[in-house]
């Protein structure tokens, strides 16, 4: 069973499954996150939807690049969770299936290609406290605890 974080789904609402790939991106004691400004500022793990016919790893590379401007290497699966949410940018109620990876950011190619995003380097503890959804916070905290062992 895939753990759920966040809002309890409304039984009267129809949700569309939306698989996505997201990354914990540590480098030099910091964590690379993205801030999505629209419809309101929200700190997130970089990543996003897996397109039809696309596999999770290519989607992860594409989404991280679009949201941060960074190329990544050596992604390894770290976990999975789901959350039920409204996605205003798509006018969609979604059951997001979030595949979480840990990868190395290796080369900054430029600013984020996706409008309304800013790449930010954060102290991992600050990221754990400030990421905008409970699933992202949980996996960032799990990763940080493993790193501190």
Protein backbone atom coordinates (compact mmCIF):
# COMPACT_ATOMS: atom_id res chain seq x y z
CA UNK A 1 0.00 0.00 0.00
CA UNK A 2 1.27 3.46 -0.88
CA UNK A 3 1.31 5.84 2.12
CA UNK A 4 -0.91 8.93 1.85
CA UNK A 5 0.02 12.40 3.09
CA UNK A 6 -2.08 15.54 3.28
CA UNK A 7 -5.80 16.03 2.83
CA UNK A 8 -8.23 13.13 3.15
CA UNK A 9 -9.84 12.59 -0.26
CA UNK A 10 -13.40 13.84 -0.59
CA UNK A 11 -15.58 10.82 -1.51
CA UNK A 12 -17.82 13.13 -3.59
CA UNK A 13 -14.87 14.34 -5.70
CA UNK A 14 -13.51 12.52 -8.76
CA UNK A 15 -9.70 12.45 -8.82
CA UNK A 16 -7.52 11.65 -11.81
CA UNK A 17 -4.32 9.70 -11.14
CA UNK A 18 -1.26 11.77 -11.90
CA UNK A 19 2.08 9.94 -11.52
CA UNK A 20 5.16 12.10 -11.00
CA UNK A 21 8.89 11.86 -10.29
CA UNK A 22 10.55 14.13 -7.70
CA UNK A 23 14.10 14.47 -6.40
CA UNK A 24 16.05 15.12 -3.25
CA UNK A 25 19.13 16.90 -4.62
CA UNK A 26 21.94 17.23 -2.05
CA UNK A 27 25.24 18.97 -2.82
CA UNK A 28 27.89 20.47 -0.51
CA UNK A 29 25.69 20.21 2.58
CA UNK A 30 22.70 21.95 0.91
CA UNK A 31 19.52 20.73 -0.75
CA UNK A 32 18.31 22.07 -4.10
CA UNK A 33 14.58 22.82 -4.04
CA UNK A 34 12.27 24.80 -6.26
CA UNK A 35 9.89 27.59 -5.41
CA UNK A 36 6.77 27.64 -7.58
CA UNK A 37 5.29 31.14 -7.33
CA UNK A 38 1.94 30.67 -9.06
CA UNK A 39 -0.75 30.50 -7.73
CA UNK A 40 1.14 31.23 -4.46
CA UNK A 41 4.77 30.72 -3.33
CA UNK A 42 5.34 27.06 -2.49
CA UNK A 43 8.65 25.28 -1.79
CA UNK A 44 8.76 21.85 -3.41
CA UNK A 45 11.05 19.01 -4.28
CA UNK A 46 11.94 19.51 -7.96
CA UNK A 47 10.02 17.25 -10.28
CA UNK A 48 6.63 16.79 -11.80
CA UNK A 49 4.32 14.74 -13.94
CA UNK A 50 5.33 11.69 -15.89
CA UNK A 51 3.95 12.14 -19.41
CA UNK A 52 1.99 9.30 -21.08
CA UNK A 53 4.47 6.79 -22.49
CA UNK A 54 7.35 8.29 -20.48
CA UNK A 55 9.30 6.35 -17.84
CA UNK A 56 9.98 7.82 -14.38
CA UNK A 57 13.75 8.38 -14.79
CA UNK A 58 13.56 10.36 -18.07
CA UNK A 59 10.66 12.33 -16.54
CA UNK A 60 12.78 13.06 -13.47
CA UNK A 61 15.68 14.38 -15.58
CA UNK A 62 13.32 16.52 -17.69
CA UNK A 63 11.34 17.94 -14.77
CA UNK A 64 14.38 18.73 -12.60
CA UNK A 65 15.98 20.53 -15.53
CA UNK A 66 12.80 22.50 -16.31
CA UNK A 67 12.30 23.56 -12.67
CA UNK A 68 15.92 24.18 -11.62
CA UNK A 69 18.14 24.49 -14.71
CA UNK A 70 20.36 21.68 -13.36
CA UNK A 71 21.42 18.38 -14.96
CA UNK A 72 21.43 15.45 -12.53
CA UNK A 73 23.19 12.09 -12.28
CA UNK A 74 22.84 8.74 -10.51
CA UNK A 75 19.17 8.86 -9.47
CA UNK A 76 18.18 6.13 -7.05
CA UNK A 77 14.68 5.37 -5.87
CA UNK A 78 14.01 6.49 -2.31
CA UNK A 79 10.26 6.04 -1.81
CA UNK A 80 6.73 6.71 -2.96
CA UNK A 81 3.66 8.46 -1.58
CA UNK A 82 0.34 9.75 -2.76
CA UNK A 83 -1.65 12.84 -2.02
CA UNK A 84 -5.01 14.17 -3.11
CA UNK A 85 -5.04 17.79 -4.20
CA UNK A 86 -6.46 20.37 -6.56
CA UNK A 87 -3.98 21.47 -9.23
CA UNK A 88 -5.15 24.96 -10.26
CA UNK A 89 -2.65 25.22 -13.12
CA UNK A 90 -4.47 22.27 -14.76
CA UNK A 91 -7.95 22.87 -13.25
CA UNK A 92 -7.67 19.27 -12.06
CA UNK A 93 -8.44 17.27 -8.92
CA UNK A 94 -5.61 14.76 -8.77
CA UNK A 95 -4.42 11.74 -6.89
CA UNK A 96 -0.72 12.43 -7.22
CA UNK A 97 1.47 9.31 -7.09
CA UNK A 98 4.86 10.78 -6.15
CA UNK A 99 7.96 8.67 -6.90
CA UNK A 100 10.85 10.06 -4.83
CA UNK A 101 14.50 9.74 -5.89
CA UNK A 102 17.83 10.93 -4.55
CA UNK A 103 20.17 12.24 -7.26
CA UNK A 104 23.30 14.35 -7.64
CA UNK A 105 22.99 17.80 -9.22
CA UNK A 106 26.07 17.89 -11.46
CA UNK A 107 25.83 20.87 -13.84
CA UNK A 108 23.87 24.10 -13.81
CA UNK A 109 22.85 24.86 -17.39
CA UNK A 110 21.03 28.11 -16.63
CA UNK A 111 17.93 29.40 -14.89
CA UNK A 112 14.78 27.26 -14.69
CA UNK A 113 13.10 26.86 -18.08
CA UNK A 114 9.66 26.65 -16.48
CA UNK A 115 8.05 30.02 -15.86
CA UNK A 116 7.26 30.89 -12.27
CA UNK A 117 9.97 28.65 -10.75
CA UNK A 118 13.13 29.58 -8.88
CA UNK A 119 15.88 27.14 -7.88
CA UNK A 120 16.98 27.61 -4.27
CA UNK A 121 19.78 26.01 -2.24
CA UNK A 122 18.67 25.44 1.33
CA UNK A 123 19.98 24.02 4.55
CA UNK A 124 18.40 20.52 4.65
CA UNK A 125 16.85 21.16 8.08
CA UNK A 126 15.23 24.35 6.77
CA UNK A 127 13.91 22.42 3.76
CA UNK A 128 12.40 19.76 6.04
CA UNK A 129 10.54 22.49 7.94
CA UNK A 130 9.47 24.59 4.95
CA UNK A 131 8.61 22.27 2.06
CA UNK A 132 5.00 22.88 1.10
CA UNK A 133 3.54 19.40 1.40
CA UNK A 134 3.74 16.75 4.08
CA UNK A 135 5.01 14.01 1.75
CA UNK A 136 7.97 16.10 0.58
CA UNK A 137 8.74 17.00 4.22
CA UNK A 138 8.55 13.35 5.29
CA UNK A 139 10.98 12.11 2.64
CA UNK A 140 13.36 15.04 3.11
CA UNK A 141 13.41 14.30 6.85
CA UNK A 142 13.92 10.55 6.24
CA UNK A 143 16.82 11.30 3.90
CA UNK A 144 18.36 13.77 6.38
CA UNK A 145 18.10 11.29 9.28
CA UNK A 146 19.84 8.62 7.14
CA UNK A 147 22.59 11.10 6.22
CA UNK A 148 23.21 12.02 9.87
CA UNK A 149 23.71 8.38 10.95
